[in-house]
C-alpha atoms as a PDB file:
ATOM      1  CA  MET A   1      82.221  54.962 103.050  1.00  0.00           C
ATOM      2  CA  ILE A   2      81.713  58.870 104.587  1.00  0.00           C
ATOM      3  CA  SER A   3      78.193  58.916 106.550  1.00  0.00           C
ATOM      4  CA  ALA A   4      75.696  61.813 105.661  1.00  0.00           C
ATOM      5  CA  PRO A   5      76.498  64.033 108.857  1.00  0.00           C
ATOM      6  CA  ILE A   6      80.177  63.906 108.238  1.00  0.00           C
ATOM      7  CA  ARG A   7      79.975  64.827 104.361  1.00  0.00           C
ATOM      8  CA  ILE A   8      77.404  67.850 105.938  1.00  0.00           C
ATOM      9  CA  LEU A   9      80.269  68.885 108.447  1.00  0.00           C
ATOM     10  CA  PHE A  10      82.776  68.849 106.083  1.00  0.00           C
ATOM     11  CA  GLY A  11      80.670  70.959 103.635  1.00  0.00           C
ATOM     12  CA  SER A  12      79.959  73.076 105.688  1.00  0.00           C
ATOM     13  CA  LEU A  13      83.565  73.731 106.698  1.00  0.00           C
ATOM     14  CA  LEU A  14      85.072  73.523 102.994  1.00  0.00           C
ATOM     15  CA  GLY A  15      82.268  76.198 102.279  1.00  0.00           C
ATOM     16  CA  LEU A  16      83.517  78.468 105.479  1.00  0.00           C
ATOM     17  CA  TRP A  17      87.038  78.264 104.514  1.00  0.00           C
ATOM     18  CA  ILE A  18      85.949  79.345 100.914  1.00  0.00           C
ATOM     19  CA  ALA A  19      84.283  82.430 101.608  1.00  0.00           C
ATOM     20  CA  THR A  20      87.132  82.860 104.436  1.00  0.00           C
ATOM     21  CA  VAL A  21      89.673  82.812 101.149  1.00  0.00           C
ATOM     22  CA  VAL A  22      87.620  84.882  99.304  1.00  0.00           C
ATOM     23  CA  ALA A  23      86.870  87.514 102.065  1.00  0.00           C
ATOM     24  CA  ALA A  24      90.075  88.190 102.349  1.00  0.00           C
ATOM     25  CA  GLU A  25      91.314  88.757  98.861  1.00  0.00           C
ATOM     26  CA  SER A  26      88.299  91.262  98.709  1.00  0.00           C
ATOM     27  CA  PRO A  27      89.422  94.821  98.609  1.00  0.00           C
ATOM     28  CA  GLN A  28      86.217  95.579 100.995  1.00  0.00           C
ATOM     29  CA  SER A  29      87.085  92.962 103.383  1.00  0.00           C
ATOM     30  CA  THR A  30      90.785  94.624 104.031  1.00  0.00           C
ATOM     31  CA  PRO A  31      90.495  97.891 106.125  1.00  0.00           C
ATOM     32  CA  GLY A  32      93.478 100.592 105.384  1.00  0.00           C
ATOM     33  CA  PHE A  33      95.953 100.893 103.010  1.00  0.00           C
ATOM     34  CA  ARG A  34      97.130  98.080 100.190  1.00  0.00           C
ATOM     35  CA  PHE A  35      98.729  98.803  96.673  1.00  0.00           C
ATOM     36  CA  VAL A  36      98.546  96.725  93.446  1.00  0.00           C
ATOM     37  CA  GLU A  37     100.943  95.766  91.021  1.00  0.00           C
ATOM     38  CA  GLU A  38     100.082  95.417  87.304  1.00  0.00           C
ATOM     39  CA  PRO A  39     103.773  94.717  85.907  1.00  0.00           C
ATOM     40  CA  GLU A  40     102.500  94.270  82.408  1.00  0.00           C
ATOM     41  CA  LYS A  41     101.200  97.850  82.580  1.00  0.00           C
ATOM     42  CA  GLY A  42     103.995  99.342  84.199  1.00  0.00           C
ATOM     43  CA  ILE A  43     101.515 100.741  87.091  1.00  0.00           C
ATOM     44  CA  LEU A  44     100.806 100.911  90.564  1.00  0.00           C
ATOM     45  CA  THR A  45      97.287 101.441  92.568  1.00  0.00           C
ATOM     46  CA  LEU A  46      96.803 102.369  95.643  1.00  0.00           C
ATOM     47  CA  TYR A  47      93.468 101.752  97.653  1.00  0.00           C
ATOM     48  CA  GLU A  48      92.110 102.719 101.072  1.00  0.00           C
ATOM     49  CA  ASN A  49      89.692  99.922 101.201  1.00  0.00           C
ATOM     50  CA  ASP A  50      87.892  99.710  98.471  1.00  0.00           C
ATOM     51  CA  ARG A  51      88.489 102.556  97.267  1.00  0.00           C
ATOM     52  CA  PRO A  52      91.550 103.552  94.612  1.00  0.00           C
ATOM     53  CA  VAL A  53      93.860 106.847  95.878  1.00  0.00           C
ATOM     54  CA  LEU A  54      95.926 107.126  93.028  1.00  0.00           C
ATOM     55  CA  ALA A  55      98.468 105.276  90.691  1.00  0.00           C
ATOM     56  CA  TYR A  56     101.495 105.631  89.776  1.00  0.00           C
ATOM     57  CA  ASN A  57     102.661 105.182  86.663  1.00  0.00           C
ATOM     58  CA  PHE A  58     106.666 103.394  86.510  1.00  0.00           C
ATOM     59  CA  GLY A  59     106.486 102.026  82.715  1.00  0.00           C
ATOM     60  CA  ASP A  60     106.180 103.621  80.039  1.00  0.00           C
ATOM     61  CA  GLN A  61     102.677 104.998  78.613  1.00  0.00           C
ATOM     62  CA  LEU A  62     101.507 105.450  75.592  1.00  0.00           C
ATOM     63  CA  LYS A  63      97.821 106.551  74.478  1.00  0.00           C
ATOM     64  CA  PRO A  64      96.799 104.520  71.403  1.00  0.00           C
ATOM     65  CA  GLY A  65      96.726 106.834  68.137  1.00  0.00           C
ATOM     66  CA  VAL A  66      99.233 109.136  69.591  1.00  0.00           C
ATOM     67  CA  SER A  67     103.020 109.230  68.521  1.00  0.00           C
ATOM     68  CA  ALA A  68     105.446 107.684  70.261  1.00  0.00           C
ATOM     69  CA  ASP A  69     107.873 109.829  70.793  1.00  0.00           C
ATOM     70  CA  ARG A  70     105.289 111.356  72.966  1.00  0.00           C
ATOM     71  CA  LYS A  71     105.986 107.918  75.924  1.00  0.00           C
ATOM     72  CA  ARG A  72     105.887 108.971  79.273  1.00  0.00           C
ATOM     73  CA  SER A  73     106.885 107.166  82.856  1.00  0.00           C
ATOM     74  CA  CYS A  74     107.076 108.278  86.183  1.00  0.00           C
ATOM     75  CA  TYR A  75     104.201 110.214  86.740  1.00  0.00           C
ATOM     76  CA  VAL A  76     100.840 110.108  89.183  1.00  0.00           C
ATOM     77  CA  HIS A  77      97.919 109.111  87.208  1.00  0.00           C
ATOM     78  CA  PRO A  78      94.968 108.875  87.953  1.00  0.00           C
ATOM     79  CA  ILE A  79      94.072 110.566  91.411  1.00  0.00           C
ATOM     80  CA  TYR A  80      90.662 110.071  92.504  1.00  0.00           C
ATOM     81  CA  GLY A  81      88.569 112.365  94.696  1.00  0.00           C
ATOM     82  CA  LEU A  82      86.995 111.179  97.608  1.00  0.00           C
ATOM     83  CA  ASP A  83      84.009 110.200  96.072  1.00  0.00           C
ATOM     84  CA  GLY A  84      86.081 107.897  93.429  1.00  0.00           C
ATOM     85  CA  GLU A  85      85.527 110.599  90.378  1.00  0.00           C
ATOM     86  CA  ILE A  86      89.160 111.024  88.435  1.00  0.00           C
ATOM     87  CA  LEU A  87      90.222 114.241  88.935  1.00  0.00           C
ATOM     88  CA  THR A  88      93.705 114.657  86.702  1.00  0.00           C
ATOM     89  CA  ASP A  89      93.911 114.008  83.068  1.00  0.00           C
ATOM     90  CA  ASP A  90      96.627 112.462  80.951  1.00  0.00           C
ATOM     91  CA  PHE A  91      97.330 112.639  77.313  1.00  0.00           C
ATOM     92  CA  PRO A  92      95.517 115.702  77.141  1.00  0.00           C
ATOM     93  CA  GLY A  93      95.071 117.088  73.414  1.00  0.00           C
ATOM     94  CA  ASP A  94      96.355 120.492  74.126  1.00  0.00           C
ATOM     95  CA  HIS A  95      99.698 119.879  75.744  1.00  0.00           C
ATOM     96  CA  HIS A  96     102.105 117.454  77.077  1.00  0.00           C
ATOM     97  CA  HIS A  97     100.366 117.272  80.753  1.00  0.00           C
ATOM     98  CA  ARG A  98     100.298 114.124  82.827  1.00  0.00           C
ATOM     99  CA  GLY A  99      98.900 113.822  85.801  1.00  0.00           C
ATOM    100  CA  LEU A 100     101.437 115.221  88.769  1.00  0.00           C
ATOM    101  CA  CYS A 101     104.722 115.047  87.865  1.00  0.00           C
ATOM    102  CA  GLY A 102     108.012 116.780  87.959  1.00  0.00           C
ATOM    103  CA  ALA A 103     109.817 118.324  84.894  1.00  0.00           C
ATOM    104  CA  TRP A 104     111.164 121.561  83.486  1.00  0.00           C
ATOM    105  CA  ALA A 105     110.435 123.341  79.992  1.00  0.00           C
ATOM    106  CA  HIS A 106     114.545 123.665  80.331  1.00  0.00           C
ATOM    107  CA  ALA A 107     117.406 121.556  81.217  1.00  0.00           C
ATOM    108  CA  LYS A 108     120.976 122.265  79.714  1.00  0.00           C
ATOM    109  CA  ILE A 109     123.534 119.753  80.404  1.00  0.00           C
ATOM    110  CA  ASP A 110     127.241 120.055  79.195  1.00  0.00           C
ATOM    111  CA  GLY A 111     126.127 122.587  76.649  1.00  0.00           C
ATOM    112  CA  LYS A 112     123.115 120.406  75.521  1.00  0.00           C
ATOM    113  CA  THR A 113     119.586 121.803  75.925  1.00  0.00           C
ATOM    114  CA  THR A 114     116.680 119.581  76.128  1.00  0.00           C
ATOM    115  CA  ASP A 115     112.700 119.823  77.400  1.00  0.00           C
ATOM    116  CA  PRO A 116     111.728 117.193  79.514  1.00  0.00           C
ATOM    117  CA  TRP A 117     108.466 119.040  80.029  1.00  0.00           C
ATOM    118  CA  ASP A 118     107.911 118.553  76.256  1.00  0.00           C
ATOM    119  CA  LEU A 119     109.518 115.237  76.253  1.00  0.00           C
ATOM    120  CA  ARG A 120     112.296 115.759  74.367  1.00  0.00           C
ATOM    121  CA  GLY A 121     115.648 114.937  74.451  1.00  0.00           C
ATOM    122  CA  LEU A 122     115.640 114.134  78.063  1.00  0.00           C
ATOM    123  CA  HIS A 123     112.809 111.479  79.923  1.00  0.00           C
ATOM    124  CA  THR A 124     112.733 110.259  83.268  1.00  0.00           C
ATOM    125  CA  ARG A 125     113.142 106.647  83.931  1.00  0.00           C
ATOM    126  CA  PHE A 126     112.162 104.233  86.841  1.00  0.00           C
ATOM    127  CA  ARG A 127     115.090 102.267  88.590  1.00  0.00           C
ATOM    128  CA  ARG A 128     113.756 100.632  91.663  1.00  0.00           C
ATOM    129  CA  TRP A 129     110.942 100.570  94.596  1.00  0.00           C
ATOM    130  CA  ILE A 130     112.948 102.561  97.644  1.00  0.00           C
ATOM    131  CA  GLN A 131     109.350 102.081  99.938  1.00  0.00           C
ATOM    132  CA  ARG A 132     106.101 100.202  99.252  1.00  0.00           C
ATOM    133  CA  GLN A 133     104.560 100.535 103.051  1.00  0.00           C
ATOM    134  CA  SER A 134     100.822 100.412 103.864  1.00  0.00           C
ATOM    135  CA  SER A 135      98.846 100.356 107.104  1.00  0.00           C
ATOM    136  CA  ALA A 136      95.604 100.892 108.182  1.00  0.00           C
ATOM    137  CA  ASP A 137      96.315 105.121 108.486  1.00  0.00           C
ATOM    138  CA  GLY A 138      97.987 105.933 105.897  1.00  0.00           C
ATOM    139  CA  ALA A 139     100.635 104.607 102.907  1.00  0.00           C
ATOM    140  CA  VAL A 140     104.210 105.516 101.780  1.00  0.00           C
ATOM    141  CA  LEU A 141     105.471 104.882  98.138  1.00  0.00           C
ATOM    142  CA  ALA A 142     108.984 106.106  97.603  1.00  0.00           C
ATOM    143  CA  VAL A 143     110.515 105.497  93.970  1.00  0.00           C
ATOM    144  CA  GLU A 144     114.044 106.251  92.836  1.00  0.00           C
ATOM    145  CA  ASN A 145     113.924 107.089  88.805  1.00  0.00           C
ATOM    146  CA  ALA A 146     116.937 108.556  86.188  1.00  0.00           C
ATOM    147  CA  TRP A 147     117.056 111.264  84.190  1.00  0.00           C
ATOM    148  CA  VAL A 148     118.512 109.968  80.818  1.00  0.00           C
ATOM    149  CA  LEU A 149     119.223 111.499  77.850  1.00  0.00           C
ATOM    150  CA  ASP A 150     118.427 110.147  74.479  1.00  0.00           C
ATOM    151  CA  ASP A 151     121.953 108.365  73.994  1.00  0.00           C
ATOM    152  CA  GLY A 152     121.266 106.577  77.139  1.00  0.00           C
ATOM    153  CA  SER A 153     123.311 108.767  79.362  1.00  0.00           C
ATOM    154  CA  GLU A 154     121.965 109.323  83.116  1.00  0.00           C
ATOM    155  CA  VAL A 155     122.652 112.298  84.229  1.00  0.00           C
ATOM    156  CA  ALA A 156     120.589 112.632  87.357  1.00  0.00           C
ATOM    157  CA  SER A 157     118.814 110.539  89.955  1.00  0.00           C
ATOM    158  CA  GLU A 158     115.417 111.772  91.612  1.00  0.00           C
ATOM    159  CA  THR A 159     113.387 110.187  94.435  1.00  0.00           C
ATOM    160  CA  PHE A 160     109.706 110.763  94.937  1.00  0.00           C
ATOM    161  CA  ARG A 161     108.011 110.057  97.467  1.00  0.00           C
ATOM    162  CA  LEU A 162     104.047 110.173  98.886  1.00  0.00           C
ATOM    163  CA  ARG A 163     103.243 110.036 102.370  1.00  0.00           C
ATOM    164  CA  VAL A 164      99.557 109.598 101.699  1.00  0.00           C
ATOM    165  CA  HIS A 165      96.946 109.978 104.832  1.00  0.00           C
ATOM    166  CA  LYS A 166      93.703 108.839 105.424  1.00  0.00           C
ATOM    167  CA  ALA A 167      90.891 110.496 104.172  1.00  0.00           C
ATOM    168  CA  SER A 168      88.202 112.321 106.319  1.00  0.00           C
ATOM    169  CA  GLU A 169      84.876 113.356 105.392  1.00  0.00           C
ATOM    170  CA  ILE A 170      86.409 116.410 103.515  1.00  0.00           C
ATOM    171  CA  GLY A 171      90.176 115.732 102.405  1.00  0.00           C
ATOM    172  CA  ARG A 172      92.870 113.490 102.315  1.00  0.00           C
ATOM    173  CA  ALA A 173      96.608 115.145 102.474  1.00  0.00           C
ATOM    174  CA  VAL A 174      99.327 114.027 100.448  1.00  0.00           C
ATOM    175  CA  ASP A 175     102.500 115.094 101.217  1.00  0.00           C
ATOM    176  CA  ILE A 176     105.464 115.062  97.981  1.00  0.00           C
ATOM    177  CA  LYS A 177     109.076 115.230  98.625  1.00  0.00           C
ATOM    178  CA  TRP A 178     111.288 115.472  95.665  1.00  0.00           C
ATOM    179  CA  ARG A 179     114.635 115.196  95.366  1.00  0.00           C
ATOM    180  CA  ILE A 180     117.185 115.584  92.521  1.00  0.00           C
ATOM    181  CA  THR A 181     120.637 114.772  93.058  1.00  0.00           C
ATOM    182  CA  ALA A 182     122.893 115.964  89.049  1.00  0.00           C
ATOM    183  CA  ALA A 183     125.550 113.188  88.451  1.00  0.00           C
ATOM    184  CA  ASP A 184     128.839 113.778  87.512  1.00  0.00           C
ATOM    185  CA  LYS A 185     128.209 117.598  85.482  1.00  0.00           C
ATOM    186  CA  PRO A 186     125.809 120.463  86.375  1.00  0.00           C
ATOM    187  CA  ILE A 187     122.226 120.514  84.968  1.00  0.00           C
ATOM    188  CA  GLU A 188     120.863 124.118  84.139  1.00  0.00           C
ATOM    189  CA  ILE A 189     116.942 123.685  85.111  1.00  0.00           C
ATOM    190  CA  ALA A 190     114.568 126.510  84.365  1.00  0.00           C
ATOM    191  CA  GLY A 191     110.724 127.082  83.351  1.00  0.00           C
ATOM    192  CA  ARG A 192     109.602 128.263  79.949  1.00  0.00           C
ATOM    193  CA  LYS A 193     111.463 131.332  79.413  1.00  0.00           C
ATOM    194  CA  ASP A 194     111.933 131.737  75.485  1.00  0.00           C
ATOM    195  CA  THR A 195     107.792 131.262  74.195  1.00  0.00           C
ATOM    196  CA  TYR A 196     104.774 131.603  75.397  1.00  0.00           C
ATOM    197  CA  GLY A 197     105.635 135.219  76.594  1.00  0.00           C
ATOM    198  CA  GLY A 198     108.136 133.255  78.859  1.00  0.00           C
ATOM    199  CA  ALA A 199     105.537 131.984  81.029  1.00  0.00           C
ATOM    200  CA  GLY A 200     108.179 130.381  83.599  1.00  0.00           C
ATOM    201  CA  TYR A 201     106.085 127.123  83.746  1.00  0.00           C
ATOM    202  CA  GLY A 202     107.863 124.345  84.798  1.00  0.00           C
ATOM    203  CA  GLY A 203     108.699 121.984  88.056  1.00  0.00           C
ATOM    204  CA  LEU A 204     105.672 120.204  89.852  1.00  0.00           C
ATOM    205  CA  MET A 205     102.564 119.879  87.843  1.00  0.00           C
ATOM    206  CA  LEU A 206      99.021 118.870  88.454  1.00  0.00           C
ATOM    207  CA  ARG A 207      96.614 118.473  85.286  1.00  0.00           C
ATOM    208  CA  PHE A 208      93.358 118.327  85.741  1.00  0.00           C
ATOM    209  CA  ARG A 209      90.671 116.136  83.791  1.00  0.00           C
ATOM    210  CA  ASP A 210      87.966 118.173  81.555  1.00  0.00           C
ATOM    211  CA  PRO A 211      87.189 120.563  84.482  1.00  0.00           C
ATOM    212  CA  LYS A 212      83.386 122.174  84.258  1.00  0.00           C
ATOM    213  CA  ASN A 213      82.872 125.592  86.217  1.00  0.00           C
ATOM    214  CA  ALA A 214      86.333 125.205  87.459  1.00  0.00           C
ATOM    215  CA  VAL A 215      87.535 128.054  90.059  1.00  0.00           C
ATOM    216  CA  LEU A 216      90.814 128.970  90.822  1.00  0.00           C
ATOM    217  CA  THR A 217      91.433 129.942  94.257  1.00  0.00           C
ATOM    218  CA  THR A 218      94.669 130.848  96.491  1.00  0.00           C
ATOM    219  CA  ASP A 219      95.247 132.211  99.893  1.00  0.00           C
ATOM    220  CA  GLN A 220      95.212 135.623  98.034  1.00  0.00           C
ATOM    221  CA  GLY A 221      91.503 134.598  96.898  1.00  0.00           C
ATOM    222  CA  ARG A 222      89.993 133.691  93.571  1.00  0.00           C
ATOM    223  CA  GLN A 223      92.573 134.395  90.896  1.00  0.00           C
ATOM    224  CA  PRO A 224      91.989 134.329  86.708  1.00  0.00           C
ATOM    225  CA  ASP A 225      94.916 133.076  84.616  1.00  0.00           C
ATOM    226  CA  SER A 226      97.967 133.800  86.042  1.00  0.00           C
ATOM    227  CA  ASN A 227     101.833 133.617  85.569  1.00  0.00           C
ATOM    228  CA  HIS A 228     104.585 134.647  87.575  1.00  0.00           C
ATOM    229  CA  LYS A 229     102.306 135.767  90.379  1.00  0.00           C
ATOM    230  CA  ALA A 230     103.481 134.560  93.926  1.00  0.00           C
ATOM    231  CA  PHE A 231     101.057 132.444  96.032  1.00  0.00           C
ATOM    232  CA  ALA A 232     101.370 130.390  99.434  1.00  0.00           C
ATOM    233  CA  TRP A 233      99.248 127.770  97.907  1.00  0.00           C
ATOM    234  CA  ALA A 234      96.635 127.565  95.394  1.00  0.00           C
ATOM    235  CA  ASP A 235      93.403 125.621  94.144  1.00  0.00           C
ATOM    236  CA  LEU A 236      91.359 124.500  91.565  1.00  0.00           C
ATOM    237  CA  SER A 237      87.983 122.979  92.292  1.00  0.00           C
ATOM    238  CA  SER A 238      85.195 121.769  89.673  1.00  0.00           C
ATOM    239  CA  GLN A 239      82.729 119.270  88.533  1.00  0.00           C
ATOM    240  CA  PHE A 240      84.452 116.344  87.362  1.00  0.00           C
ATOM    241  CA  GLY A 241      83.121 113.338  85.702  1.00  0.00           C
ATOM    242  CA  GLY A 242      79.795 114.532  84.925  1.00  0.00           C
ATOM    243  CA  SER A 243      78.949 115.205  88.306  1.00  0.00           C
ATOM    244  CA  ASP A 244      77.039 117.938  89.722  1.00  0.00           C
ATOM    245  CA  LYS A 245      79.102 118.047  92.823  1.00  0.00           C
ATOM    246  CA  MET A 246      81.967 120.267  93.369  1.00  0.00           C
ATOM    247  CA  SER A 247      85.382 118.575  94.290  1.00  0.00           C
ATOM    248  CA  GLY A 248      89.310 119.610  93.620  1.00  0.00           C
ATOM    249  CA  ALA A 249      92.955 119.530  94.923  1.00  0.00           C
ATOM    250  CA  ALA A 250      94.768 122.085  96.389  1.00  0.00           C
ATOM    251  CA  ILE A 251      98.631 122.481  96.478  1.00  0.00           C
ATOM    252  CA  PHE A 252     100.651 123.584  99.147  1.00  0.00           C
ATOM    253  CA  VAL A 253     104.445 124.791  98.703  1.00  0.00           C
ATOM    254  CA  HIS A 254     106.689 124.031 101.944  1.00  0.00           C
ATOM    255  CA  PRO A 255     107.523 126.937 103.676  1.00  0.00           C
ATOM    256  CA  ASP A 256     111.066 126.191 103.319  1.00  0.00           C
ATOM    257  CA  HIS A 257     110.973 125.927  99.335  1.00  0.00           C
ATOM    258  CA  THR A 258     113.871 127.500  97.859  1.00  0.00           C
ATOM    259  CA  ASP A 259     112.782 131.288  97.124  1.00  0.00           C
ATOM    260  CA  ALA A 260     109.342 130.770  98.332  1.00  0.00           C
ATOM    261  CA  PRO A 261     106.424 132.569  98.074  1.00  0.00           C
ATOM    262  CA  VAL A 262     107.127 131.022  94.272  1.00  0.00           C
ATOM    263  CA  GLY A 263     105.039 132.437  91.608  1.00  0.00           C
ATOM    264  CA  TRP A 264     102.526 129.838  89.795  1.00  0.00           C
ATOM    265  CA  THR A 265     100.888 128.990  85.991  1.00  0.00           C
ATOM    266  CA  LEU A 266      96.909 128.720  86.892  1.00  0.00           C
ATOM    267  CA  ARG A 267      94.624 128.185  84.177  1.00  0.00           C
ATOM    268  CA  HIS A 268      91.225 127.103  84.089  1.00  0.00           C
ATOM    269  CA  TYR A 269      91.251 124.815  81.620  1.00  0.00           C
ATOM    270  CA  GLY A 270      93.125 122.778  84.506  1.00  0.00           C
ATOM    271  CA  PHE A 271      96.271 123.660  85.454  1.00  0.00           C
ATOM    272  CA  LEU A 272      98.529 124.131  89.040  1.00  0.00           C
ATOM    273  CA  ASN A 273     102.352 124.576  89.171  1.00  0.00           C
ATOM    274  CA  PRO A 274     104.243 126.441  91.499  1.00  0.00           C
ATOM    275  CA  ALA A 275     106.362 127.548  88.381  1.00  0.00           C
ATOM    276  CA  TRP A 276     109.889 127.277  90.293  1.00  0.00           C
ATOM    277  CA  PRO A 277     112.645 128.493  89.392  1.00  0.00           C
ATOM    278  CA  GLY A 278     109.793 130.662  86.730  1.00  0.00           C
ATOM    279  CA  VAL A 279     112.144 131.903  84.217  1.00  0.00           C
ATOM    280  CA  ASN A 280     115.674 132.542  86.359  1.00  0.00           C
ATOM    281  CA  LEU A 281     118.064 129.554  86.029  1.00  0.00           C
ATOM    282  CA  PHE A 282     118.829 127.197  88.740  1.00  0.00           C
ATOM    283  CA  THR A 283     121.848 124.743  88.456  1.00  0.00           C
ATOM    284  CA  LEU A 284     121.940 121.602  89.998  1.00  0.00           C
ATOM    285  CA  GLN A 285     125.594 121.004  91.618  1.00  0.00           C
ATOM    286  CA  PRO A 286     126.781 117.434  91.320  1.00  0.00           C
ATOM    287  CA  GLY A 287     126.484 115.927  94.645  1.00  0.00           C
ATOM    288  CA  LYS A 288     124.223 118.601  96.006  1.00  0.00           C
ATOM    289  CA  PRO A 289     120.839 117.219  96.175  1.00  0.00           C
ATOM    290  CA  LEU A 290     117.872 119.971  95.707  1.00  0.00           C
ATOM    291  CA  THR A 291     115.274 119.121  97.879  1.00  0.00           C
ATOM    292  CA  LEU A 292     111.552 120.813  96.980  1.00  0.00           C
ATOM    293  CA  ASN A 293     108.246 119.778  99.477  1.00  0.00           C
ATOM    294  CA  TYR A 294     104.863 120.601  98.552  1.00  0.00           C
ATOM    295  CA  ARG A 295     101.473 118.602  99.908  1.00  0.00           C
ATOM    296  CA  LEU A 296      98.280 117.766  98.044  1.00  0.00           C
ATOM    297  CA  TRP A 297      95.102 118.532  99.600  1.00  0.00           C
ATOM    298  CA  VAL A 298      92.185 116.575  97.814  1.00  0.00           C
ATOM    299  CA  HIS A 299      88.786 117.613  98.941  1.00  0.00           C
ATOM    300  CA  ARG A 300      85.029 117.741  98.830  1.00  0.00           C
ATOM    301  CA  GLY A 301      83.320 120.815  97.836  1.00  0.00           C
ATOM    302  CA  ASP A 302      85.242 124.369  96.722  1.00  0.00           C
ATOM    303  CA  ALA A 303      88.034 125.803  98.085  1.00  0.00           C
ATOM    304  CA  ASN A 304      85.575 126.795 101.162  1.00  0.00           C
ATOM    305  CA  SER A 305      83.393 124.315 101.846  1.00  0.00           C
ATOM    306  CA  GLY A 306      86.789 121.816 101.035  1.00  0.00           C
ATOM    307  CA  SER A 307      88.173 123.518 104.437  1.00  0.00           C
ATOM    308  CA  VAL A 308      91.717 124.571 101.664  1.00  0.00           C
ATOM    309  CA  ARG A 309      92.453 127.805 103.907  1.00  0.00           C
ATOM    310  CA  GLN A 310      92.373 125.646 107.080  1.00  0.00           C
ATOM    311  CA  ALA A 311      94.255 122.586 105.639  1.00  0.00           C
ATOM    312  CA  TYR A 312      96.999 124.951 104.804  1.00  0.00           C
ATOM    313  CA  LYS A 313      97.109 125.872 108.132  1.00  0.00           C
ATOM    314  CA  ALA A 314      97.272 122.669 109.708  1.00  0.00           C
ATOM    315  CA  TYR A 315     100.036 121.914 107.180  1.00  0.00           C
ATOM    316  CA  LEU A 316     101.986 125.001 108.788  1.00  0.00           C
ATOM    317  CA  ARG A 317     102.269 123.127 112.038  1.00  0.00           C
ATOM    318  CA  THR A 318     102.723 119.805 110.946  1.00  0.00           C
ATOM    319  CA  VAL A 319     106.296 121.217 109.103  1.00  0.00           C
ATOM    320  CA  GLY A 320     106.558 124.080 111.416  1.00  0.00           C
ATOM    321  CA  SER A 321     107.109 127.482 109.984  1.00  0.00           C
ATOM    322  CA  ALA A 322     110.456 129.038 107.842  1.00  0.00           C
ATOM    323  CA  GLY A 323     112.718 128.819 109.939  1.00  0.00           C
ATOM    324  CA  SER A 324     111.383 127.016 112.819  1.00  0.00           C
ATOM    325  CA  ALA A 325     112.242 123.800 114.930  1.00  0.00           C
ATOM    326  CA  LYS A 326     110.551 120.906 112.818  1.00  0.00           C
ATOM    327  CA  PRO A 327     108.526 118.572 114.373  1.00  0.00           C
ATOM    328  CA  SER A 328     109.456 115.175 114.729  1.00  0.00           C
ATOM    329  CA  GLU A 329     107.716 112.383 113.322  1.00  0.00           C
ATOM    330  CA  THR A 330     105.611 111.211 116.137  1.00  0.00           C
ATOM    331  CA  THR A 331     104.371 114.790 116.268  1.00  0.00           C
ATOM    332  CA  LYS A 332     103.211 115.148 112.943  1.00  0.00           C
ATOM    333  CA  THR A 333     101.464 112.139 113.079  1.00  0.00           C
ATOM    334  CA  ARG A 334      99.464 113.156 116.006  1.00  0.00           C
ATOM    335  CA  LEU A 335      99.250 116.645 114.393  1.00  0.00           C
ATOM    336  CA  VAL A 336      97.560 114.740 111.650  1.00  0.00           C
ATOM    337  CA  MET A 337      95.139 113.278 113.507  1.00  0.00           C
ATOM    338  CA  GLU A 338      94.213 116.526 115.113  1.00  0.00           C
ATOM    339  CA  VAL A 339      93.556 117.823 111.541  1.00  0.00           C
ATOM    340  CA  GLN A 340      91.896 115.160 110.548  1.00  0.00           C
ATOM    341  CA  PHE A 341      89.402 116.201 113.543  1.00  0.00           C
ATOM    342  CA  GLU A 342      89.323 119.770 113.138  1.00  0.00           C
ATOM    343  CA  LEU A 343      88.217 119.410 109.447  1.00  0.00           C
ATOM    344  CA  ALA A 344      85.836 117.219 109.966  1.00  0.00           C
ATOM    345  CA  PRO A 345      82.012 118.369 110.602  1.00  0.00           C
ATOM    346  CA  GLY A 346      81.522 119.691 114.080  1.00  0.00           C
ATOM    347  CA  GLY A 347      85.614 119.944 114.565  1.00  0.00           C
ATOM    348  CA  ARG A 348      87.266 122.883 115.223  1.00  0.00           C
ATOM    349  CA  ASP A 349      87.695 125.615 113.189  1.00  0.00           C
END
């Protein structure tokens, strides 16, 4: 028979062990970034500490009651604000937008014209994870997808890479590298050319969820809805999820982006799109990758209090201005840390 003191000691040790295991599995107890995959849902979610940051939908998604031909995959949604509010939308009632993703309204392969923006004729399909790396200071998610015609033919491959930085009190930077390579035949891409007044939308899109009192701001100041006008960056700030506080997100275009500065499609209903190549045609040649780089800046407040202009200047320092020597990865990390200090309350302007 086990004596009472030993039973008490054993019970105490068991309780401590259980508490340790539970704490280890609790999101609050794990500082830094971590991924949580839900294979049955086709969703991979990134957390910083106990807060969700964003989710990548690698499997097909379909909203109940929506036609089966509206299935979509390989996009980022939700993207969360720093206070947990959901910034992005999926399956909005007015368009075929889906969170943060890339697609063109015109893609012509071997004489066949498709509309991947509208989910017609050409779809993006998940193939494999290239990288899923997380630490206390940030995370990297890289995925390989295929462009697939309705007959199952794979006509291009793409890699979509996100480098997610640690949030400051003001904002969070997410670097985006999107690379597309045509397979064995050229692919002609363009934005919306023949309808909606030739609006030119296409490429990287960011759709917001039901913004209230939305404000569009660019490097040239506040803007109305517009098509084709060129900017270095654009921001939408609003009140989301019933909150009376402003928050938002901006897209910065890399200074070495093809044809920079590019024209934009901007909408107060909640839409940012650096619309390259607009109504012009660009041909993806087999074996010659097209690489497009951007930064997403998710912030508290409006464009002013969210330090969007300062964050863009900091972005230029981390990537180097057009035509200049590019900083090393070590230098980029140091610059990002400096940026976090400069944008923090009391930091340098």
